[in-house]
Amino acid sequence: MKKYFLSIIGLLFFVSSLDAQVKRVEGVSIIVSNMDRSVKFYSEVLQFKKISDVEKQGAYWESLFGVFGLHIREVRMQLGDETIDLIDYLTSGGRTIPEDFKSNDLAFQHIAIVVSDMDSAYKLLRSFGVTQVSTDPQTLPASIPAAAGIKAFYFQDPDRHNLELIYFPQGKGQERWQYTKDRIFLGIDHTAIGVSSTPQSHQFYSDLLGLDRKGDSWNKGMEQAHLNNIEGASLHITGYRSDDGPGVEFLEYLFPGPGKKFPADTRSDDLWNWLTKVHVKNAKKLYQQLKRNGHFNFVSKGQLQIKDETAFIVRDPDGHAVYVVEDNE
């Protein structure tokens, strides 16, 4: 009888969780120090299209982002079916990304931009003089079955945010990336985040948010090391997706292990503070579940509502910010 009772409690919690979980991953927000410079970079170098340009200020936004006296400019950029938001804090302006920042540091996050031709994309980036992280584009070998034949390259934008170009051969990645060859830059496949523990992050992103675990890969070798620019790099990479939008990918460094921890005093206006924006079925239920858990830090001062939107920002187990939104339709 006791076991039966516990199973009913577990089922009720599961059903309650389903009511709160993610419907889609909208994309990411990137904090920039000079909006005009960043818009120029993303549009001219990576062929994003500017689709909106707004300014925000007032008590709602101060409570959401946890920064008093803010006045932000937010520009939405589109590539293919995906978008990113560039955010410039006009009145404050946070700290820059440290010069010694490495790919295995836990504050690491990037977006993976899909290309139809890696050689052409790399040549174009070189013509603009971008800062490279990878030594050059890397083709992952057959010794990494889940990623064999994928070509990838890390580089930086003007604020030293890490970005990735990725090329999927036949049989790899989502099917839609195989049929768009009329342009070089196609869209955003996923955002990748540094994690200290895959099981710990799985609990947050899958058990609580409801993202589906799509696959695991154990990557090592000279190609992977030169891609990340981490000598001897060995990673456990795990991919997650919702029904819509780009994926979320965990990067757990097995060797040399995780680098520096996510700075505990991070503010929303610091340039390393990316936001992953997710739309959920029930923001109130998710907020309550996260509060009951007791292990998560909230950026926002409670759940907030403006017009047709309920939202809050919470940090995952390693410190990455997740912007949770429920559209009150």
C-alpha atoms as a PDB file:
ATOM      1  CA  MET A   1       0.000   0.000   0.000  1.00  0.00           C
ATOM      2  CA  LYS A   2       2.846   2.409   0.853  1.00  0.00           C
ATOM      3  CA  LYS A   3       4.605   1.758  -2.464  1.00  0.00           C
ATOM      4  CA  TYR A   4       1.303   2.293  -4.308  1.00  0.00           C
ATOM      5  CA  PHE A   5       0.744   5.595  -2.467  1.00  0.00           C
ATOM      6  CA  LEU A   6       4.253   6.826  -3.315  1.00  0.00           C
ATOM      7  CA  SER A   7       3.807   5.931  -6.977  1.00  0.00           C
ATOM      8  CA  ILE A   8       0.580   7.978  -7.078  1.00  0.00           C
ATOM      9  CA  ILE A   9       2.421  10.957  -5.540  1.00  0.00           C
ATOM     10  CA  GLY A  10       5.168  10.583  -8.147  1.00  0.00           C
ATOM     11  CA  LEU A  11       2.603  10.436 -10.942  1.00  0.00           C
ATOM     12  CA  LEU A  12       0.866  13.564  -9.681  1.00  0.00           C
ATOM     13  CA  PHE A  13       4.199  15.426  -9.575  1.00  0.00           C
ATOM     14  CA  PHE A  14       4.974  14.239 -13.107  1.00  0.00           C
ATOM     15  CA  VAL A  15       1.609  15.436 -14.428  1.00  0.00           C
ATOM     16  CA  SER A  16       2.070  18.762 -12.607  1.00  0.00           C
ATOM     17  CA  SER A  17       5.509  19.129 -14.192  1.00  0.00           C
ATOM     18  CA  LEU A  18       4.078  18.492 -17.649  1.00  0.00           C
ATOM     19  CA  ASP A  19       1.681  21.403 -17.135  1.00  0.00           C
ATOM     20  CA  ALA A  20       4.634  23.748 -16.605  1.00  0.00           C
ATOM     21  CA  GLN A  21       7.110  22.550 -19.184  1.00  0.00           C
ATOM     22  CA  VAL A  22       8.744  24.172 -22.194  1.00  0.00           C
ATOM     23  CA  LYS A  23       6.775  24.526 -25.422  1.00  0.00           C
ATOM     24  CA  ARG A  24       9.660  25.991 -27.397  1.00  0.00           C
ATOM     25  CA  VAL A  25      13.158  27.398 -27.086  1.00  0.00           C
ATOM     26  CA  GLU A  26      12.931  30.859 -28.614  1.00  0.00           C
ATOM     27  CA  GLY A  27      16.647  31.570 -28.766  1.00  0.00           C
ATOM     28  CA  VAL A  28      19.283  33.486 -26.840  1.00  0.00           C
ATOM     29  CA  SER A  29      19.995  37.040 -25.766  1.00  0.00           C
ATOM     30  CA  ILE A  30      23.577  38.288 -25.970  1.00  0.00           C
ATOM     31  CA  ILE A  31      24.767  41.274 -23.932  1.00  0.00           C
ATOM     32  CA  VAL A  32      26.826  43.697 -26.036  1.00  0.00           C
ATOM     33  CA  SER A  33      28.814  46.841 -25.252  1.00  0.00           C
ATOM     34  CA  ASN A  34      28.222  48.730 -28.517  1.00  0.00           C
ATOM     35  CA  MET A  35      24.965  47.950 -30.321  1.00  0.00           C
ATOM     36  CA  ASP A  36      25.796  49.568 -33.639  1.00  0.00           C
ATOM     37  CA  ARG A  37      29.090  47.694 -33.838  1.00  0.00           C
ATOM     38  CA  SER A  38      27.414  44.366 -32.999  1.00  0.00           C
ATOM     39  CA  VAL A  39      24.565  44.844 -35.476  1.00  0.00           C
ATOM     40  CA  LYS A  40      27.128  45.618 -38.160  1.00  0.00           C
ATOM     41  CA  PHE A  41      29.079  42.441 -37.307  1.00  0.00           C
ATOM     42  CA  TYR A  42      26.116  40.068 -37.233  1.00  0.00           C
ATOM     43  CA  SER A  43      24.548  41.519 -40.389  1.00  0.00           C
ATOM     44  CA  GLU A  44      27.651  42.016 -42.550  1.00  0.00           C
ATOM     45  CA  VAL A  45      29.809  39.079 -41.445  1.00  0.00           C
ATOM     46  CA  LEU A  46      27.178  36.436 -40.593  1.00  0.00           C
ATOM     47  CA  GLN A  47      24.292  37.705 -42.773  1.00  0.00           C
ATOM     48  CA  PHE A  48      21.715  38.071 -39.994  1.00  0.00           C
ATOM     49  CA  LYS A  49      18.809  40.413 -40.750  1.00  0.00           C
ATOM     50  CA  LYS A  50      17.714  43.107 -38.295  1.00  0.00           C
ATOM     51  CA  ILE A  51      13.967  42.746 -37.673  1.00  0.00           C
ATOM     52  CA  SER A  52      13.284  44.957 -34.626  1.00  0.00           C
ATOM     53  CA  ASP A  53      14.951  47.676 -32.548  1.00  0.00           C
ATOM     54  CA  VAL A  54      13.339  48.780 -29.264  1.00  0.00           C
ATOM     55  CA  GLU A  55      14.315  50.471 -26.000  1.00  0.00           C
ATOM     56  CA  LYS A  56      13.058  49.389 -22.577  1.00  0.00           C
ATOM     57  CA  GLN A  57      13.147  50.978 -19.136  1.00  0.00           C
ATOM     58  CA  GLY A  58      11.076  51.156 -15.961  1.00  0.00           C
ATOM     59  CA  ALA A  59      10.208  49.119 -12.874  1.00  0.00           C
ATOM     60  CA  TYR A  60       9.135  45.961 -14.729  1.00  0.00           C
ATOM     61  CA  TRP A  61      12.426  45.583 -16.568  1.00  0.00           C
ATOM     62  CA  GLU A  62      14.466  46.506 -13.477  1.00  0.00           C
ATOM     63  CA  SER A  63      12.706  43.726 -11.540  1.00  0.00           C
ATOM     64  CA  LEU A  64      13.022  41.208 -14.375  1.00  0.00           C
ATOM     65  CA  PHE A  65      16.747  41.722 -14.976  1.00  0.00           C
ATOM     66  CA  GLY A  66      17.619  42.604 -11.383  1.00  0.00           C
ATOM     67  CA  VAL A  67      19.414  45.836 -12.345  1.00  0.00           C
ATOM     68  CA  PHE A  68      18.231  49.137 -10.879  1.00  0.00           C
ATOM     69  CA  GLY A  69      18.024  52.189 -13.142  1.00  0.00           C
ATOM     70  CA  LEU A  70      18.488  50.282 -16.381  1.00  0.00           C
ATOM     71  CA  HIS A  71      17.705  51.568 -19.849  1.00  0.00           C
ATOM     72  CA  ILE A  72      18.337  48.933 -22.497  1.00  0.00           C
ATOM     73  CA  ARG A  73      18.319  48.825 -26.274  1.00  0.00           C
ATOM     74  CA  GLU A  74      17.292  45.443 -27.672  1.00  0.00           C
ATOM     75  CA  VAL A  75      17.764  44.498 -31.325  1.00  0.00           C
ATOM     76  CA  ARG A  76      16.378  41.253 -32.714  1.00  0.00           C
ATOM     77  CA  MET A  77      18.401  39.631 -35.499  1.00  0.00           C
ATOM     78  CA  GLN A  78      17.157  36.763 -37.684  1.00  0.00           C
ATOM     79  CA  LEU A  79      19.009  34.052 -39.581  1.00  0.00           C
ATOM     80  CA  GLY A  80      16.825  31.518 -41.358  1.00  0.00           C
ATOM     81  CA  ASP A  81      14.026  30.548 -38.976  1.00  0.00           C
ATOM     82  CA  GLU A  82      15.945  31.483 -35.795  1.00  0.00           C
ATOM     83  CA  THR A  83      16.519  34.749 -33.965  1.00  0.00           C
ATOM     84  CA  ILE A  84      18.879  36.207 -31.387  1.00  0.00           C
ATOM     85  CA  ASP A  85      18.407  39.324 -29.262  1.00  0.00           C
ATOM     86  CA  LEU A  86      21.306  41.727 -28.780  1.00  0.00           C
ATOM     87  CA  ILE A  87      20.963  43.760 -25.560  1.00  0.00           C
ATOM     88  CA  ASP A  88      22.930  46.921 -24.813  1.00  0.00           C
ATOM     89  CA  TYR A  89      22.651  48.350 -21.267  1.00  0.00           C
ATOM     90  CA  LEU A  90      22.792  52.054 -22.074  1.00  0.00           C
ATOM     91  CA  THR A  91      22.864  53.334 -18.481  1.00  0.00           C
ATOM     92  CA  SER A  92      25.071  50.786 -16.756  1.00  0.00           C
ATOM     93  CA  GLY A  93      27.134  48.534 -18.970  1.00  0.00           C
ATOM     94  CA  GLY A  94      28.580  45.560 -17.150  1.00  0.00           C
ATOM     95  CA  ARG A  95      31.964  43.904 -17.046  1.00  0.00           C
ATOM     96  CA  THR A  96      33.739  42.639 -20.148  1.00  0.00           C
ATOM     97  CA  ILE A  97      34.629  39.001 -20.794  1.00  0.00           C
ATOM     98  CA  PRO A  98      37.979  38.224 -19.103  1.00  0.00           C
ATOM     99  CA  GLU A  99      41.015  37.950 -21.352  1.00  0.00           C
ATOM    100  CA  ASP A 100      41.860  34.512 -19.918  1.00  0.00           C
ATOM    101  CA  PHE A 101      38.389  33.061 -20.634  1.00  0.00           C
ATOM    102  CA  LYS A 102      38.600  29.443 -21.902  1.00  0.00           C
ATOM    103  CA  SER A 103      36.207  27.059 -23.657  1.00  0.00           C
ATOM    104  CA  ASN A 104      36.012  24.807 -20.568  1.00  0.00           C
ATOM    105  CA  ASP A 105      35.080  27.641 -18.164  1.00  0.00           C
ATOM    106  CA  LEU A 106      31.552  27.127 -16.832  1.00  0.00           C
ATOM    107  CA  ALA A 107      30.382  30.567 -18.021  1.00  0.00           C
ATOM    108  CA  PHE A 108      31.035  29.385 -21.593  1.00  0.00           C
ATOM    109  CA  GLN A 109      28.071  29.606 -23.975  1.00  0.00           C
ATOM    110  CA  HIS A 110      27.798  29.872 -27.728  1.00  0.00           C
ATOM    111  CA  ILE A 111      25.376  29.546 -30.605  1.00  0.00           C
ATOM    112  CA  ALA A 112      26.086  27.084 -33.416  1.00  0.00           C
ATOM    113  CA  ILE A 113      25.460  28.701 -36.811  1.00  0.00           C
ATOM    114  CA  VAL A 114      24.839  26.154 -39.556  1.00  0.00           C
ATOM    115  CA  VAL A 115      26.656  26.676 -42.863  1.00  0.00           C
ATOM    116  CA  SER A 116      26.192  25.022 -46.226  1.00  0.00           C
ATOM    117  CA  ASP A 117      29.888  25.223 -47.119  1.00  0.00           C
ATOM    118  CA  MET A 118      32.526  25.430 -44.394  1.00  0.00           C
ATOM    119  CA  ASP A 119      35.375  26.460 -46.695  1.00  0.00           C
ATOM    120  CA  SER A 120      33.405  29.408 -48.088  1.00  0.00           C
ATOM    121  CA  ALA A 121      32.217  30.469 -44.627  1.00  0.00           C
ATOM    122  CA  TYR A 122      35.718  30.317 -43.162  1.00  0.00           C
ATOM    123  CA  LYS A 123      37.138  32.290 -46.087  1.00  0.00           C
ATOM    124  CA  LEU A 124      34.502  34.980 -45.549  1.00  0.00           C
ATOM    125  CA  LEU A 125      35.246  35.221 -41.819  1.00  0.00           C
ATOM    126  CA  ARG A 126      38.963  35.509 -42.558  1.00  0.00           C
ATOM    127  CA  SER A 127      38.258  38.373 -44.970  1.00  0.00           C
ATOM    128  CA  PHE A 128      36.657  40.287 -42.085  1.00  0.00           C
ATOM    129  CA  GLY A 129      39.558  39.544 -39.742  1.00  0.00           C
ATOM    130  CA  VAL A 130      37.546  37.761 -37.051  1.00  0.00           C
ATOM    131  CA  THR A 131      39.320  36.493 -33.944  1.00  0.00           C
ATOM    132  CA  GLN A 132      39.729  32.716 -34.078  1.00  0.00           C
ATOM    133  CA  VAL A 133      39.393  30.323 -31.158  1.00  0.00           C
ATOM    134  CA  SER A 134      39.919  27.147 -33.195  1.00  0.00           C
ATOM    135  CA  THR A 135      43.178  26.860 -35.097  1.00  0.00           C
ATOM    136  CA  ASP A 136      41.100  26.310 -38.258  1.00  0.00           C
ATOM    137  CA  PRO A 137      37.904  24.394 -39.188  1.00  0.00           C
ATOM    138  CA  GLN A 138      38.007  20.833 -37.872  1.00  0.00           C
ATOM    139  CA  THR A 139      36.418  17.715 -39.397  1.00  0.00           C
ATOM    140  CA  LEU A 140      35.509  15.317 -36.599  1.00  0.00           C
ATOM    141  CA  PRO A 141      36.809  11.790 -37.252  1.00  0.00           C
ATOM    142  CA  ALA A 142      35.142   8.380 -37.488  1.00  0.00           C
ATOM    143  CA  SER A 143      36.429   7.624 -33.969  1.00  0.00           C
ATOM    144  CA  ILE A 144      33.579   9.877 -32.748  1.00  0.00           C
ATOM    145  CA  PRO A 145      30.618   8.013 -34.306  1.00  0.00           C
ATOM    146  CA  ALA A 146      27.884  10.466 -33.271  1.00  0.00           C
ATOM    147  CA  ALA A 147      29.776  13.393 -34.817  1.00  0.00           C
ATOM    148  CA  ALA A 148      31.826  11.770 -37.599  1.00  0.00           C
ATOM    149  CA  GLY A 149      32.117  14.030 -40.646  1.00  0.00           C
ATOM    150  CA  ILE A 150      30.761  17.140 -38.919  1.00  0.00           C
ATOM    151  CA  LYS A 151      32.887  20.219 -39.576  1.00  0.00           C
ATOM    152  CA  ALA A 152      33.094  22.922 -36.909  1.00  0.00           C
ATOM    153  CA  PHE A 153      34.951  26.141 -36.130  1.00  0.00           C
ATOM    154  CA  TYR A 154      34.984  28.448 -33.070  1.00  0.00           C
ATOM    155  CA  PHE A 155      35.507  32.210 -33.339  1.00  0.00           C
ATOM    156  CA  GLN A 156      34.535  35.427 -31.521  1.00  0.00           C
ATOM    157  CA  ASP A 157      32.358  38.471 -32.096  1.00  0.00           C
ATOM    158  CA  PRO A 158      33.598  42.017 -31.271  1.00  0.00           C
ATOM    159  CA  ASP A 159      32.800  41.550 -27.542  1.00  0.00           C
ATOM    160  CA  ARG A 160      34.659  38.210 -27.426  1.00  0.00           C
ATOM    161  CA  HIS A 161      31.512  36.088 -27.263  1.00  0.00           C
ATOM    162  CA  ASN A 162      32.239  32.622 -28.575  1.00  0.00           C
ATOM    163  CA  LEU A 163      30.372  31.547 -31.707  1.00  0.00           C
ATOM    164  CA  GLU A 164      30.514  28.335 -33.727  1.00  0.00           C
ATOM    165  CA  LEU A 165      30.146  27.509 -37.400  1.00  0.00           C
ATOM    166  CA  ILE A 166      28.906  23.969 -37.972  1.00  0.00           C
ATOM    167  CA  TYR A 167      28.447  21.919 -41.158  1.00  0.00           C
ATOM    168  CA  PHE A 168      26.385  18.735 -41.148  1.00  0.00           C
ATOM    169  CA  PRO A 169      27.113  16.034 -43.746  1.00  0.00           C
ATOM    170  CA  GLN A 170      24.373  13.710 -44.965  1.00  0.00           C
ATOM    171  CA  GLY A 171      22.916  11.703 -42.095  1.00  0.00           C
ATOM    172  CA  LYS A 172      23.963  14.149 -39.367  1.00  0.00           C
ATOM    173  CA  GLY A 173      21.961  16.883 -37.688  1.00  0.00           C
ATOM    174  CA  GLN A 174      18.391  17.845 -38.473  1.00  0.00           C
ATOM    175  CA  GLU A 175      17.129  16.963 -41.934  1.00  0.00           C
ATOM    176  CA  ARG A 176      16.306  20.588 -42.726  1.00  0.00           C
ATOM    177  CA  TRP A 177      19.993  21.501 -42.847  1.00  0.00           C
ATOM    178  CA  GLN A 178      20.505  19.235 -45.873  1.00  0.00           C
ATOM    179  CA  TYR A 179      18.279  21.088 -48.321  1.00  0.00           C
ATOM    180  CA  THR A 180      19.178  24.768 -48.027  1.00  0.00           C
ATOM    181  CA  LYS A 181      22.202  25.374 -50.214  1.00  0.00           C
ATOM    182  CA  ASP A 182      21.307  28.737 -51.782  1.00  0.00           C
ATOM    183  CA  ARG A 183      23.211  30.680 -49.090  1.00  0.00           C
ATOM    184  CA  ILE A 184      26.218  30.112 -46.842  1.00  0.00           C
ATOM    185  CA  PHE A 185      24.711  30.865 -43.404  1.00  0.00           C
ATOM    186  CA  LEU A 186      21.498  28.893 -42.828  1.00  0.00           C
ATOM    187  CA  GLY A 187      20.278  29.263 -39.228  1.00  0.00           C
ATOM    188  CA  ILE A 188      21.016  28.359 -35.604  1.00  0.00           C
ATOM    189  CA  ASP A 189      21.082  24.684 -34.664  1.00  0.00           C
ATOM    190  CA  HIS A 190      21.661  25.005 -30.913  1.00  0.00           C
ATOM    191  CA  THR A 191      23.177  26.933 -28.052  1.00  0.00           C
ATOM    192  CA  ALA A 192      25.906  25.124 -26.090  1.00  0.00           C
ATOM    193  CA  ILE A 193      26.668  25.670 -22.408  1.00  0.00           C
ATOM    194  CA  GLY A 194      29.491  24.578 -20.137  1.00  0.00           C
ATOM    195  CA  VAL A 195      28.299  22.218 -17.394  1.00  0.00           C
ATOM    196  CA  SER A 196      30.057  20.681 -14.399  1.00  0.00           C
ATOM    197  CA  SER A 197      27.754  17.639 -14.164  1.00  0.00           C
ATOM    198  CA  THR A 198      25.568  16.208 -16.929  1.00  0.00           C
ATOM    199  CA  PRO A 199      23.183  14.455 -14.471  1.00  0.00           C
ATOM    200  CA  GLN A 200      22.761  17.668 -12.451  1.00  0.00           C
ATOM    201  CA  SER A 201      22.014  19.740 -15.550  1.00  0.00           C
ATOM    202  CA  HIS A 202      19.729  16.990 -16.898  1.00  0.00           C
ATOM    203  CA  GLN A 203      17.581  17.324 -13.779  1.00  0.00           C
ATOM    204  CA  PHE A 204      17.105  21.030 -14.462  1.00  0.00           C
ATOM    205  CA  TYR A 205      16.666  21.054 -18.237  1.00  0.00           C
ATOM    206  CA  SER A 206      14.861  17.721 -18.684  1.00  0.00           C
ATOM    207  CA  ASP A 207      13.126  16.770 -15.425  1.00  0.00           C
ATOM    208  CA  LEU A 208      12.008  20.328 -14.595  1.00  0.00           C
ATOM    209  CA  LEU A 209      11.904  22.181 -17.938  1.00  0.00           C
ATOM    210  CA  GLY A 210      10.914  19.135 -19.989  1.00  0.00           C
ATOM    211  CA  LEU A 211      13.468  19.284 -22.803  1.00  0.00           C
ATOM    212  CA  ASP A 212      13.939  15.924 -24.532  1.00  0.00           C
ATOM    213  CA  ARG A 213      17.352  14.283 -24.417  1.00  0.00           C
ATOM    214  CA  LYS A 214      18.190  13.542 -28.049  1.00  0.00           C
ATOM    215  CA  GLY A 215      21.637  11.994 -27.854  1.00  0.00           C
ATOM    216  CA  ASP A 216      25.099  11.786 -26.309  1.00  0.00           C
ATOM    217  CA  SER A 217      28.576  11.925 -27.787  1.00  0.00           C
ATOM    218  CA  TRP A 218      32.002  11.418 -26.226  1.00  0.00           C
ATOM    219  CA  ASN A 219      34.435  13.602 -28.140  1.00  0.00           C
ATOM    220  CA  LYS A 220      38.202  13.553 -27.900  1.00  0.00           C
ATOM    221  CA  GLY A 221      41.270  13.583 -30.119  1.00  0.00           C
ATOM    222  CA  MET A 222      43.388  16.191 -31.856  1.00  0.00           C
ATOM    223  CA  GLU A 223      40.496  17.560 -33.915  1.00  0.00           C
ATOM    224  CA  GLN A 224      38.341  18.202 -30.859  1.00  0.00           C
ATOM    225  CA  ALA A 225      41.272  19.714 -28.953  1.00  0.00           C
ATOM    226  CA  HIS A 226      42.029  22.121 -31.813  1.00  0.00           C
ATOM    227  CA  LEU A 227      38.337  22.986 -32.167  1.00  0.00           C
ATOM    228  CA  ASN A 228      38.020  24.045 -28.503  1.00  0.00           C
ATOM    229  CA  ASN A 229      41.648  25.171 -28.251  1.00  0.00           C
ATOM    230  CA  ILE A 230      42.008  23.093 -25.083  1.00  0.00           C
ATOM    231  CA  GLU A 231      44.993  20.733 -25.124  1.00  0.00           C
ATOM    232  CA  GLY A 232      43.922  17.106 -24.623  1.00  0.00           C
ATOM    233  CA  ALA A 233      40.219  18.035 -24.511  1.00  0.00           C
ATOM    234  CA  SER A 234      37.808  15.176 -23.825  1.00  0.00           C
ATOM    235  CA  LEU A 235      34.100  16.012 -23.590  1.00  0.00           C
ATOM    236  CA  HIS A 236      30.751  14.412 -22.875  1.00  0.00           C
ATOM    237  CA  ILE A 237      28.318  16.291 -25.135  1.00  0.00           C
ATOM    238  CA  THR A 238      24.554  15.889 -24.683  1.00  0.00           C
ATOM    239  CA  GLY A 239      21.866  17.381 -26.900  1.00  0.00           C
ATOM    240  CA  TYR A 240      18.374  18.456 -25.777  1.00  0.00           C
ATOM    241  CA  ARG A 241      15.411  19.855 -27.706  1.00  0.00           C
ATOM    242  CA  SER A 242      11.825  20.991 -27.272  1.00  0.00           C
ATOM    243  CA  ASP A 243       9.161  20.667 -29.954  1.00  0.00           C
ATOM    244  CA  ASP A 244      10.292  23.912 -31.551  1.00  0.00           C
ATOM    245  CA  GLY A 245      13.362  26.133 -31.744  1.00  0.00           C
ATOM    246  CA  PRO A 246      17.106  25.553 -31.413  1.00  0.00           C
ATOM    247  CA  GLY A 247      18.505  22.870 -29.132  1.00  0.00           C
ATOM    248  CA  VAL A 248      20.441  23.181 -25.889  1.00  0.00           C
ATOM    249  CA  GLU A 249      23.736  21.289 -25.737  1.00  0.00           C
ATOM    250  CA  PHE A 250      25.741  20.391 -22.619  1.00  0.00           C
ATOM    251  CA  LEU A 251      29.546  20.515 -22.789  1.00  0.00           C
ATOM    252  CA  GLU A 252      31.008  18.593 -19.858  1.00  0.00           C
ATOM    253  CA  TYR A 253      34.810  18.517 -19.964  1.00  0.00           C
ATOM    254  CA  LEU A 254      36.052  15.155 -18.727  1.00  0.00           C
ATOM    255  CA  PHE A 255      39.631  16.343 -19.346  1.00  0.00           C
ATOM    256  CA  PRO A 256      41.102  18.651 -18.221  1.00  0.00           C
ATOM    257  CA  GLY A 257      37.857  19.040 -16.290  1.00  0.00           C
ATOM    258  CA  PRO A 258      35.721  22.147 -15.821  1.00  0.00           C
ATOM    259  CA  GLY A 259      37.604  25.430 -15.770  1.00  0.00           C
ATOM    260  CA  LYS A 260      36.679  28.479 -13.730  1.00  0.00           C
ATOM    261  CA  LYS A 261      33.255  28.513 -12.068  1.00  0.00           C
ATOM    262  CA  PHE A 262      30.514  30.838 -13.250  1.00  0.00           C
ATOM    263  CA  PRO A 263      31.193  34.087 -11.309  1.00  0.00           C
ATOM    264  CA  ALA A 264      28.829  34.122  -8.322  1.00  0.00           C
ATOM    265  CA  ASP A 265      28.437  37.918  -8.495  1.00  0.00           C
ATOM    266  CA  THR A 266      27.331  37.940 -12.157  1.00  0.00           C
ATOM    267  CA  ARG A 267      24.839  40.667 -13.051  1.00  0.00           C
ATOM    268  CA  SER A 268      22.503  40.735 -16.019  1.00  0.00           C
ATOM    269  CA  ASP A 269      24.567  43.463 -17.691  1.00  0.00           C
ATOM    270  CA  ASP A 270      27.872  41.539 -17.604  1.00  0.00           C
ATOM    271  CA  LEU A 271      28.880  40.594 -21.144  1.00  0.00           C
ATOM    272  CA  TRP A 272      29.280  36.875 -20.369  1.00  0.00           C
ATOM    273  CA  ASN A 273      25.688  36.698 -19.084  1.00  0.00           C
ATOM    274  CA  TRP A 274      23.829  35.053 -21.976  1.00  0.00           C
ATOM    275  CA  LEU A 275      20.076  34.419 -21.635  1.00  0.00           C
ATOM    276  CA  THR A 276      18.401  31.300 -23.035  1.00  0.00           C
ATOM    277  CA  LYS A 277      14.738  32.188 -23.586  1.00  0.00           C
ATOM    278  CA  VAL A 278      12.099  29.457 -23.263  1.00  0.00           C
ATOM    279  CA  HIS A 279       8.324  29.557 -23.582  1.00  0.00           C
ATOM    280  CA  VAL A 280       6.449  27.390 -21.088  1.00  0.00           C
ATOM    281  CA  LYS A 281       2.899  26.156 -20.597  1.00  0.00           C
ATOM    282  CA  ASN A 282       2.574  27.436 -17.030  1.00  0.00           C
ATOM    283  CA  ALA A 283       5.158  29.845 -15.631  1.00  0.00           C
ATOM    284  CA  LYS A 284       3.561  29.942 -12.184  1.00  0.00           C
ATOM    285  CA  LYS A 285       3.802  26.172 -11.701  1.00  0.00           C
ATOM    286  CA  LEU A 286       7.379  26.078 -12.926  1.00  0.00           C
ATOM    287  CA  TYR A 287       8.327  28.979 -10.652  1.00  0.00           C
ATOM    288  CA  GLN A 288       6.802  27.176  -7.658  1.00  0.00           C
ATOM    289  CA  GLN A 289       8.594  23.913  -8.507  1.00  0.00           C
ATOM    290  CA  LEU A 290      11.933  25.699  -8.781  1.00  0.00           C
ATOM    291  CA  LYS A 291      11.291  27.542  -5.506  1.00  0.00           C
ATOM    292  CA  ARG A 292      10.399  24.305  -3.698  1.00  0.00           C
ATOM    293  CA  ASN A 293      13.586  22.704  -4.979  1.00  0.00           C
ATOM    294  CA  GLY A 294      15.553  25.390  -3.155  1.00  0.00           C
ATOM    295  CA  HIS A 295      18.782  25.002  -5.145  1.00  0.00           C
ATOM    296  CA  PHE A 296      18.270  27.639  -7.824  1.00  0.00           C
ATOM    297  CA  ASN A 297      19.094  31.343  -7.785  1.00  0.00           C
ATOM    298  CA  PHE A 298      16.545  33.763  -9.227  1.00  0.00           C
ATOM    299  CA  VAL A 299      17.630  36.881 -11.081  1.00  0.00           C
ATOM    300  CA  SER A 300      14.107  38.346 -11.134  1.00  0.00           C
ATOM    301  CA  LYS A 301      12.253  39.683  -8.133  1.00  0.00           C
ATOM    302  CA  GLY A 302       9.449  37.129  -8.302  1.00  0.00           C
ATOM    303  CA  GLN A 303       7.125  36.358 -11.199  1.00  0.00           C
ATOM    304  CA  LEU A 304       6.414  39.428 -13.267  1.00  0.00           C
ATOM    305  CA  GLN A 305       3.622  40.331 -15.641  1.00  0.00           C
ATOM    306  CA  ILE A 306       3.390  42.964 -18.338  1.00  0.00           C
ATOM    307  CA  LYS A 307       0.687  43.124 -20.988  1.00  0.00           C
ATOM    308  CA  ASP A 308       0.222  39.539 -22.237  1.00  0.00           C
ATOM    309  CA  GLU A 309       3.406  38.076 -20.750  1.00  0.00           C
ATOM    310  CA  THR A 310       4.343  36.420 -17.446  1.00  0.00           C
ATOM    311  CA  ALA A 311       8.089  35.975 -16.982  1.00  0.00           C
ATOM    312  CA  PHE A 312      11.030  35.403 -14.658  1.00  0.00           C
ATOM    313  CA  ILE A 313      14.750  34.684 -14.988  1.00  0.00           C
ATOM    314  CA  VAL A 314      16.430  31.856 -13.067  1.00  0.00           C
ATOM    315  CA  ARG A 315      19.959  30.467 -13.083  1.00  0.00           C
ATOM    316  CA  ASP A 316      20.647  26.808 -13.859  1.00  0.00           C
ATOM    317  CA  PRO A 317      22.898  24.683 -11.572  1.00  0.00           C
ATOM    318  CA  ASP A 318      26.079  26.183 -13.057  1.00  0.00           C
ATOM    319  CA  GLY A 319      24.855  29.793 -13.271  1.00  0.00           C
ATOM    320  CA  HIS A 320      23.560  30.149 -16.847  1.00  0.00           C
ATOM    321  CA  ALA A 321      20.525  32.436 -17.034  1.00  0.00           C
ATOM    322  CA  VAL A 322      17.232  31.032 -18.354  1.00  0.00           C
ATOM    323  CA  TYR A 323      14.522  33.532 -19.298  1.00  0.00           C
ATOM    324  CA  VAL A 324      11.149  31.826 -18.733  1.00  0.00           C
ATOM    325  CA  VAL A 325       8.103  33.259 -20.480  1.00  0.00           C
ATOM    326  CA  GLU A 326       4.435  32.290 -20.540  1.00  0.00           C
ATOM    327  CA  ASP A 327       2.305  34.014 -23.177  1.00  0.00           C
ATOM    328  CA  ASN A 328      -1.093  34.701 -21.602  1.00  0.00           C
ATOM    329  CA  GLU A 329      -3.130  34.043 -24.735  1.00  0.00           C
END
